Amino acid sequence: MSKYGDGIEEPYAFGGFVTLSVREFSETDSWLKSDLRPDEARLLGLRLIKMADEAEAQG
């Protein structure tokens, strides 16, 4: 398990994009890969922080 959780690989930068790979839950050998532009990656990061705060407040 990575520091991001089970099935989430370390994001990396290559060719001007940020790549995030996540294991598809229905298929243990299938990976979903998303290539994000830098601004998209920043916005996603901010949105994930907001959603984590909301989830924490619910629990």
Protein backbone atom coordinates (compact mmCIF):
# COMPACT_ATOMS: atom_id res chain seq x y z
CA MET A 1 0.00 0.00 0.00
CA SER A 2 1.33 3.44 -0.90
CA LYS A 3 1.18 6.43 1.39
CA TYR A 4 -1.89 7.53 -0.60
CA GLY A 5 -3.86 4.36 0.15
CA ASP A 6 -4.40 0.95 -1.32
CA GLY A 7 -4.56 1.04 -5.11
CA ILE A 8 -3.27 4.58 -5.57
CA GLU A 9 0.19 5.01 -7.04
CA GLU A 10 2.58 7.89 -6.46
CA PRO A 11 1.69 10.71 -8.89
CA TYR A 12 4.51 11.80 -11.17
CA ALA A 13 5.30 14.60 -13.61
CA PHE A 14 6.37 13.80 -17.16
CA GLY A 15 6.16 15.72 -20.42
CA GLY A 16 4.38 18.69 -18.89
CA PHE A 17 1.60 16.60 -17.31
CA VAL A 18 0.91 15.17 -13.87
CA THR A 19 0.01 11.49 -14.10
CA LEU A 20 -2.13 9.78 -11.47
CA SER A 21 -2.74 6.02 -11.58
CA VAL A 22 -5.52 4.37 -9.57
CA ARG A 23 -6.40 0.68 -9.50
CA GLU A 24 -9.91 0.06 -10.79
CA PHE A 25 -11.93 -1.46 -7.95
CA SER A 26 -13.72 -4.07 -10.04
CA GLU A 27 -10.51 -5.35 -11.64
CA THR A 28 -7.45 -5.77 -9.43
CA ASP A 29 -5.09 -5.86 -12.44
CA SER A 30 -6.68 -2.89 -14.22
CA TRP A 31 -5.33 0.62 -13.71
CA LEU A 32 -6.99 3.91 -14.59
CA LYS A 33 -4.49 6.59 -15.60
CA SER A 34 -5.21 10.29 -15.75
CA ASP A 35 -2.87 12.85 -17.28
CA LEU A 36 -3.59 16.31 -15.90
CA ARG A 37 -2.23 19.67 -16.90
CA PRO A 38 -0.52 21.46 -13.99
CA ASP A 39 -3.47 23.81 -13.35
CA GLU A 40 -5.92 20.88 -13.42
CA ALA A 41 -3.77 19.00 -10.91
CA ARG A 42 -3.71 22.03 -8.60
CA LEU A 43 -7.49 22.45 -8.79
CA LEU A 44 -8.02 18.74 -8.15
CA GLY A 45 -5.74 18.89 -5.12
CA LEU A 46 -7.66 21.83 -3.66
CA ARG A 47 -11.00 20.11 -4.32
CA LEU A 48 -9.80 16.91 -2.66
CA ILE A 49 -8.75 18.86 0.44
CA LYS A 50 -12.20 20.49 0.61
CA MET A 51 -13.96 17.15 0.18
CA ALA A 52 -11.75 15.53 2.85
CA ASP A 53 -12.68 18.30 5.30
CA GLU A 54 -16.39 17.77 4.52
CA ALA A 55 -16.09 14.00 4.95
CA GLU A 56 -14.24 14.42 8.23
CA ALA A 57 -16.95 16.75 9.54
CA GLN A 58 -19.60 14.11 8.73
CA GLY A 59 -17.82 11.36 10.64
